[in-house]
Amino acid sequence: MQPTASPIHAAVAEDFAAVNRTILAQLASRVPLVETIGNYIIESGGKRLRPILVLLAARSLGYDGNRHIHLATLIEFMHTSTLLHDDVVDESHMRRGKTTANDAWGNAPSVLVGDFLYSRSFQMMVEVGSMRVMEVLSGATCTIAEGEVLQLTNIGNPDIDEAAYFETIQGKTAMLFEAASHSGAILAGANAEQEAALQRFGRYLGLAFQLVDDLLDYQGDAKAMGKNVGDDLAEGKPTLPLIQAMAKGSPEQAKLIRRAIREGGLDHLEEVLTIVRETGALEYTRERAEAMADQALAELDALPPSVYRDTMAELAHLAVDRQT
């Protein structure tokens, strides 16, 4: 399944088609199960925002080579490997409306194919041929892993505050967005101001994206999202809607949410949904997402006018306006 065509894809249509071809070529393995699971997760849908961000960042600065295709592909492989690992850790059964790979083939094959994709991404990193890019991406992988471990240690802990929450999502989600735009800028030979601006753009975009993800878990449409409303609560994840609801709710409401986080499951879902609505926690989370998107948009002033810059602005709007 290819991502649905949109103005965001249209701006880099030829590059994006080349990335899709490279993805399929780089999935080749002498072990059939590697290709089977790799193709399954890659073709499960998704907007492929991270590789698109690489393409847009590079093109916005006039890059006219072809190494950005490999760079965008390896970023997608890094992302896909984290999805495979996340679904095992979270014991997920559905992603993007489809059975997860771990549900279809088991945990061990999913973890090992995730390892293969991570390893392939590093092979491709060498082919890109930039030590600066390797420095950024290798550092990003460590930060992402730390973010995932931090999230795991936070599960079932109702005492997580907003600062700790942002530290977690900066690592587990925003870091790869940041690495995508930053590495694209480096590949294009950005000056110091442009490089820093594109790095920050990716960071703020990723934070906005994750904030809306966490918001949708309490007000989204299960069919549109491809996952169930309340999945984060079921896993005991203390995300911003719950953190804000505990801060603004009555002692009784905060006590119930604390219990729901500690216990996990969905026994208290309806009560929690009522509390996050009544306390304005959903509106607060959306406001924080919109603030992050506004910060991302401000960073684009460092770039020359182009369809690519305009499309990155659309990405920032998409991050907060989406329903999936």
Protein backbone atom coordinates (compact mmCIF):
# COMPACT_ATOMS: atom_id res chain seq x y z
CA MET A 1 0.00 0.00 0.00
CA GLN A 2 1.46 3.34 -1.00
CA PRO A 3 0.69 6.42 1.09
CA THR A 4 -2.28 8.40 -0.17
CA ALA A 5 -1.30 11.14 -2.63
CA SER A 6 -1.46 14.64 -1.18
CA PRO A 7 0.00 18.09 -1.83
CA ILE A 8 2.76 17.19 0.61
CA HIS A 9 3.77 14.20 -1.48
CA ALA A 10 3.27 16.13 -4.73
CA ALA A 11 6.00 18.65 -3.95
CA VAL A 12 8.61 15.88 -4.08
CA ALA A 13 6.70 13.36 -6.20
CA GLU A 14 9.67 12.06 -8.21
CA ASP A 15 11.90 11.85 -5.16
CA PHE A 16 9.16 10.12 -3.18
CA ALA A 17 8.66 7.52 -5.91
CA ALA A 18 12.42 6.91 -5.90
CA VAL A 19 12.32 6.42 -2.12
CA ASN A 20 9.55 3.84 -2.47
CA ARG A 21 11.58 1.95 -5.08
CA THR A 22 14.66 2.08 -2.87
CA ILE A 23 12.71 0.82 0.13
CA LEU A 24 11.65 -2.28 -1.79
CA ALA A 25 15.14 -2.85 -3.16
CA GLN A 26 16.79 -2.48 0.25
CA LEU A 27 14.36 -4.94 1.88
CA ALA A 28 15.94 -7.72 -0.18
CA SER A 29 17.29 -10.52 2.02
CA ARG A 30 18.38 -14.12 1.57
CA VAL A 31 16.01 -14.95 4.47
CA PRO A 32 12.41 -14.94 3.13
CA LEU A 33 10.80 -14.11 6.49
CA VAL A 34 12.82 -10.89 6.69
CA GLU A 35 11.36 -9.70 3.40
CA THR A 36 7.86 -10.90 4.30
CA ILE A 37 7.66 -9.04 7.62
CA GLY A 38 9.59 -6.05 6.30
CA ASN A 39 7.21 -5.65 3.37
CA TYR A 40 4.20 -6.17 5.62
CA ILE A 41 5.07 -3.34 8.00
CA ILE A 42 6.38 -0.99 5.29
CA GLU A 43 3.21 -1.44 3.22
CA SER A 44 0.83 -1.07 6.17
CA GLY A 45 0.11 2.55 5.33
CA GLY A 46 1.24 5.73 7.01
CA LYS A 47 2.15 9.09 5.55
CA ARG A 48 5.94 8.56 5.63
CA LEU A 49 6.37 12.02 7.06
CA ARG A 50 9.95 11.48 8.21
CA PRO A 51 11.40 10.58 4.79
CA ILE A 52 9.34 13.34 3.19
CA LEU A 53 10.90 15.73 5.70
CA VAL A 54 14.37 14.67 4.54
CA LEU A 55 13.43 15.32 0.91
CA LEU A 56 11.85 18.69 1.63
CA ALA A 57 14.68 19.90 3.84
CA ALA A 58 17.31 19.02 1.25
CA ARG A 59 15.38 20.43 -1.70
CA SER A 60 14.47 23.63 0.17
CA LEU A 61 18.19 24.46 0.18
CA GLY A 62 18.71 23.69 -3.49
CA TYR A 63 20.15 20.19 -3.19
CA ASP A 64 20.32 18.58 -6.64
CA GLY A 65 22.11 15.26 -5.99
CA ASN A 66 20.58 11.87 -5.28
CA ARG A 67 21.98 10.86 -1.89
CA HIS A 68 18.90 12.28 -0.22
CA ILE A 69 16.97 9.27 -1.57
CA HIS A 70 19.14 6.87 0.44
CA LEU A 71 18.97 9.20 3.43
CA ALA A 72 15.15 9.34 3.32
CA THR A 73 14.95 5.56 2.93
CA LEU A 74 17.19 4.80 5.89
CA ILE A 75 15.19 7.23 8.04
CA GLU A 76 12.06 5.26 7.15
CA PHE A 77 13.83 2.01 8.04
CA MET A 78 14.84 3.44 11.41
CA HIS A 79 11.24 4.46 12.04
CA THR A 80 9.85 1.10 10.93
CA SER A 81 12.24 -0.79 13.18
CA THR A 82 11.02 1.21 16.17
CA LEU A 83 7.41 0.37 15.26
CA LEU A 84 8.20 -3.34 15.23
CA HIS A 85 9.95 -3.10 18.59
CA ASP A 86 7.26 -0.84 20.11
CA ASP A 87 4.46 -3.23 19.22
CA VAL A 88 6.29 -6.06 20.96
CA VAL A 89 6.97 -3.98 24.07
CA ASP A 90 3.39 -2.65 24.15
CA GLU A 91 1.90 -6.06 23.29
CA SER A 92 -0.11 -4.30 20.58
CA HIS A 93 -2.53 -6.19 18.35
CA MET A 94 -3.46 -3.46 15.87
CA ARG A 95 -1.59 -0.71 14.03
CA ARG A 96 -3.07 1.45 11.25
CA GLY A 97 -6.11 -0.81 11.17
CA LYS A 98 -4.10 -3.99 10.54
CA THR A 99 -2.89 -6.84 12.69
CA THR A 100 0.58 -6.07 14.04
CA ALA A 101 3.55 -8.12 12.87
CA ASN A 102 4.10 -9.51 16.36
CA ASP A 103 0.50 -10.70 16.43
CA ALA A 104 0.84 -12.32 13.01
CA TRP A 105 4.33 -13.87 13.31
CA GLY A 106 5.23 -13.66 16.98
CA ASN A 107 7.48 -11.46 19.11
CA ALA A 108 10.85 -13.00 18.26
CA PRO A 109 10.60 -12.62 14.46
CA SER A 110 9.31 -9.06 14.86
CA VAL A 111 12.19 -8.02 17.10
CA LEU A 112 14.78 -9.63 14.84
CA VAL A 113 13.37 -8.10 11.65
CA GLY A 114 13.39 -4.75 13.46
CA ASP A 115 17.06 -5.38 14.15
CA PHE A 116 17.62 -6.15 10.46
CA LEU A 117 16.02 -2.85 9.40
CA TYR A 118 18.11 -0.93 11.94
CA SER A 119 21.24 -2.63 10.65
CA ARG A 120 20.30 -1.95 7.04
CA SER A 121 19.80 1.71 7.88
CA PHE A 122 23.39 1.90 9.12
CA GLN A 123 24.65 0.22 5.96
CA MET A 124 22.84 2.88 3.95
CA MET A 125 24.21 5.60 6.22
CA VAL A 126 27.71 4.63 5.11
CA GLU A 127 26.59 4.85 1.48
CA VAL A 128 25.34 8.41 2.03
CA GLY A 129 28.98 9.20 2.74
CA SER A 130 28.73 12.06 5.23
CA MET A 131 30.39 11.85 8.62
CA ARG A 132 28.24 14.74 9.87
CA VAL A 133 25.08 12.90 8.87
CA MET A 134 26.37 9.72 10.54
CA GLU A 135 27.11 11.70 13.69
CA VAL A 136 23.58 13.12 13.81
CA LEU A 137 21.82 9.84 13.07
CA SER A 138 23.92 7.63 15.33
CA GLY A 139 23.33 10.09 18.16
CA ALA A 140 19.63 10.11 17.37
CA THR A 141 19.38 6.31 17.65
CA CYS A 142 20.75 6.45 21.20
CA THR A 143 18.35 9.24 22.17
CA ILE A 144 15.38 7.36 20.67
CA ALA A 145 16.29 4.19 22.57
CA GLU A 146 16.62 6.17 25.80
CA GLY A 147 13.21 7.74 25.16
CA GLU A 148 11.62 4.33 24.69
CA VAL A 149 13.19 3.02 27.91
CA LEU A 150 12.09 6.17 29.73
CA GLN A 151 8.53 5.67 28.54
CA LEU A 152 8.66 2.05 29.69
CA THR A 153 9.85 3.05 33.17
CA ASN A 154 7.08 5.66 33.36
CA ILE A 155 4.28 3.15 32.71
CA GLY A 156 1.98 2.85 35.67
CA ASN A 157 3.50 5.93 37.36
CA PRO A 158 0.91 8.67 38.03
CA ASP A 159 3.56 10.99 39.51
CA ILE A 160 5.10 11.89 36.13
CA ASP A 161 4.93 15.64 35.61
CA GLU A 162 4.73 17.66 32.41
CA ALA A 163 8.49 18.21 32.19
CA ALA A 164 9.16 14.47 32.41
CA TYR A 165 6.48 13.83 29.80
CA PHE A 166 8.11 16.25 27.34
CA GLU A 167 11.51 14.69 27.98
CA THR A 168 10.03 11.32 27.03
CA ILE A 169 8.32 12.40 23.82
CA GLN A 170 11.35 14.45 22.76
CA GLY A 171 13.35 11.23 22.81
CA LYS A 172 10.93 8.63 21.52
CA THR A 173 9.20 10.68 18.80
CA ALA A 174 10.56 14.17 18.14
CA MET A 175 14.17 13.05 17.87
CA LEU A 176 13.67 11.20 14.58
CA PHE A 177 11.76 14.13 13.06
CA GLU A 178 14.63 16.37 14.18
CA ALA A 179 17.24 14.00 12.76
CA ALA A 180 15.36 13.85 9.43
CA SER A 181 15.25 17.60 8.84
CA HIS A 182 18.71 18.17 10.35
CA SER A 183 20.43 15.51 8.23
CA GLY A 184 18.66 16.77 5.10
CA ALA A 185 19.99 20.24 5.82
CA ILE A 186 23.53 18.95 6.34
CA LEU A 187 23.42 16.98 3.08
CA ALA A 188 22.37 20.13 1.24
CA GLY A 189 25.29 22.15 2.65
CA ALA A 190 23.18 24.45 4.80
CA ASN A 191 24.80 27.41 6.49
CA ALA A 192 24.87 27.43 10.31
CA GLU A 193 21.63 29.42 10.65
CA GLN A 194 19.69 27.25 8.21
CA GLU A 195 21.00 24.02 9.70
CA ALA A 196 19.98 25.04 13.21
CA ALA A 197 16.57 26.25 11.99
CA LEU A 198 15.79 22.98 10.20
CA GLN A 199 16.96 20.98 13.19
CA ARG A 200 14.58 22.91 15.45
CA PHE A 201 11.79 22.72 12.86
CA GLY A 202 11.90 18.91 12.98
CA ARG A 203 11.98 18.90 16.77
CA TYR A 204 8.94 21.14 17.15
CA LEU A 205 7.08 19.29 14.39
CA GLY A 206 7.71 15.98 16.14
CA LEU A 207 6.54 17.32 19.49
CA ALA A 208 3.35 18.68 17.91
CA PHE A 209 2.78 15.34 16.18
CA GLN A 210 3.12 13.32 19.41
CA LEU A 211 0.95 15.73 21.41
CA VAL A 212 -1.87 15.26 18.90
CA ASP A 213 -1.31 11.50 18.96
CA ASP A 214 -1.80 11.54 22.73
CA LEU A 215 -4.82 13.82 22.39
CA LEU A 216 -6.47 11.53 19.83
CA ASP A 217 -6.18 8.60 22.21
CA TYR A 218 -8.94 10.26 24.23
CA GLN A 219 -11.08 11.84 21.53
CA GLY A 220 -10.22 10.17 18.23
CA ASP A 221 -12.19 7.87 16.00
CA ALA A 222 -11.01 4.26 16.38
CA LYS A 223 -11.78 3.33 12.78
CA ALA A 224 -9.97 6.36 11.37
CA MET A 225 -6.98 5.94 13.66
CA GLY A 226 -6.58 2.21 13.12
CA LYS A 227 -6.30 1.65 16.86
CA ASN A 228 -8.65 1.72 19.82
CA VAL A 229 -9.50 4.81 21.84
CA GLY A 230 -7.97 4.43 25.29
CA ASP A 231 -5.00 2.30 24.23
CA ASP A 232 -2.60 4.56 26.15
CA LEU A 233 -4.74 4.29 29.27
CA ALA A 234 -4.92 0.52 28.89
CA GLU A 235 -1.11 0.45 28.91
CA GLY A 236 -0.88 2.76 31.93
CA LYS A 237 0.87 5.57 30.04
CA PRO A 238 0.74 8.94 31.85
CA THR A 239 0.36 11.23 28.82
CA LEU A 240 -0.35 14.97 28.88
CA PRO A 241 -4.18 14.74 28.85
CA LEU A 242 -4.03 12.67 32.05
CA ILE A 243 -1.27 14.78 33.65
CA GLN A 244 -3.29 17.96 33.03
CA ALA A 245 -6.55 16.35 34.17
CA MET A 246 -4.93 15.36 37.47
CA ALA A 247 -3.57 18.90 37.90
CA LYS A 248 -6.90 20.62 37.20
CA GLY A 249 -9.43 18.08 38.46
CA SER A 250 -10.88 17.63 41.93
CA PRO A 251 -9.04 15.43 44.46
CA GLU A 252 -11.53 12.67 43.72
CA GLN A 253 -11.00 12.96 39.96
CA ALA A 254 -7.21 12.98 40.36
CA LYS A 255 -7.44 9.92 42.62
CA LEU A 256 -9.43 8.01 40.02
CA ILE A 257 -6.97 8.85 37.23
CA ARG A 258 -4.03 7.89 39.43
CA ARG A 259 -5.68 4.55 40.08
CA ALA A 260 -6.40 4.06 36.35
CA ILE A 261 -2.75 4.74 35.46
CA ARG A 262 -1.42 2.40 38.14
CA GLU A 263 -3.79 -0.44 37.24
CA GLY A 264 -3.82 -0.05 33.45
CA GLY A 265 -6.69 -1.64 31.56
CA LEU A 266 -9.95 -0.02 30.56
CA ASP A 267 -12.11 -0.50 33.66
CA HIS A 268 -12.17 3.26 34.26
CA LEU A 269 -12.15 4.45 30.64
CA GLU A 270 -15.57 6.13 30.61
CA GLU A 271 -14.91 7.99 33.87
CA VAL A 272 -11.48 9.09 32.64
CA LEU A 273 -12.90 10.29 29.33
CA THR A 274 -15.43 12.38 31.24
CA ILE A 275 -12.74 13.87 33.48
CA VAL A 276 -10.35 14.83 30.66
CA ARG A 277 -13.25 16.59 28.92
CA GLU A 278 -14.54 18.37 32.03
CA THR A 279 -11.10 19.63 33.14
CA GLY A 280 -10.19 21.08 29.74
CA ALA A 281 -7.23 18.70 29.50
CA LEU A 282 -7.92 17.99 25.82
CA GLU A 283 -8.05 21.68 24.94
CA TYR A 284 -4.85 22.26 26.89
CA THR A 285 -3.07 19.45 25.04
CA ARG A 286 -4.20 20.84 21.70
CA GLU A 287 -3.02 24.32 22.66
CA ARG A 288 0.42 22.94 23.49
CA ALA A 289 0.48 21.12 20.13
CA GLU A 290 -0.49 24.29 18.28
CA ALA A 291 2.21 26.24 20.12
CA MET A 292 4.80 23.69 19.00
CA ALA A 293 3.56 23.90 15.41
CA ASP A 294 3.80 27.71 15.56
CA GLN A 295 7.40 27.43 16.75
CA ALA A 296 8.14 25.08 13.86
CA LEU A 297 6.62 27.53 11.39
CA ALA A 298 8.74 30.38 12.75
CA GLU A 299 11.91 28.42 12.00
CA LEU A 300 11.07 28.36 8.29
CA ASP A 301 11.84 32.09 8.04
CA ALA A 302 15.52 31.11 7.76
CA LEU A 303 14.86 29.38 4.41
CA PRO A 304 14.51 30.97 0.98
CA PRO A 305 10.96 31.02 -0.48
CA SER A 306 10.10 27.83 -2.36
CA VAL A 307 7.38 25.22 -2.82
CA TYR A 308 9.42 23.02 -0.47
CA ARG A 309 9.33 25.58 2.33
CA ASP A 310 5.60 26.03 1.75
CA THR A 311 5.12 22.28 1.95
CA MET A 312 6.99 22.10 5.24
CA ALA A 313 4.59 24.74 6.54
CA GLU A 314 1.73 22.48 5.43
CA LEU A 315 3.35 19.64 7.37
CA ALA A 316 3.22 21.74 10.52
CA HIS A 317 -0.49 22.43 9.95
CA LEU A 318 -1.11 18.75 9.19
CA ALA A 319 0.51 17.72 12.47
CA VAL A 320 -2.19 19.50 14.49
CA ASP A 321 -5.18 19.28 12.14
CA ARG A 322 -5.09 15.53 11.47
CA GLN A 323 -7.58 13.02 12.84
CA THR A 324 -5.34 9.94 12.47
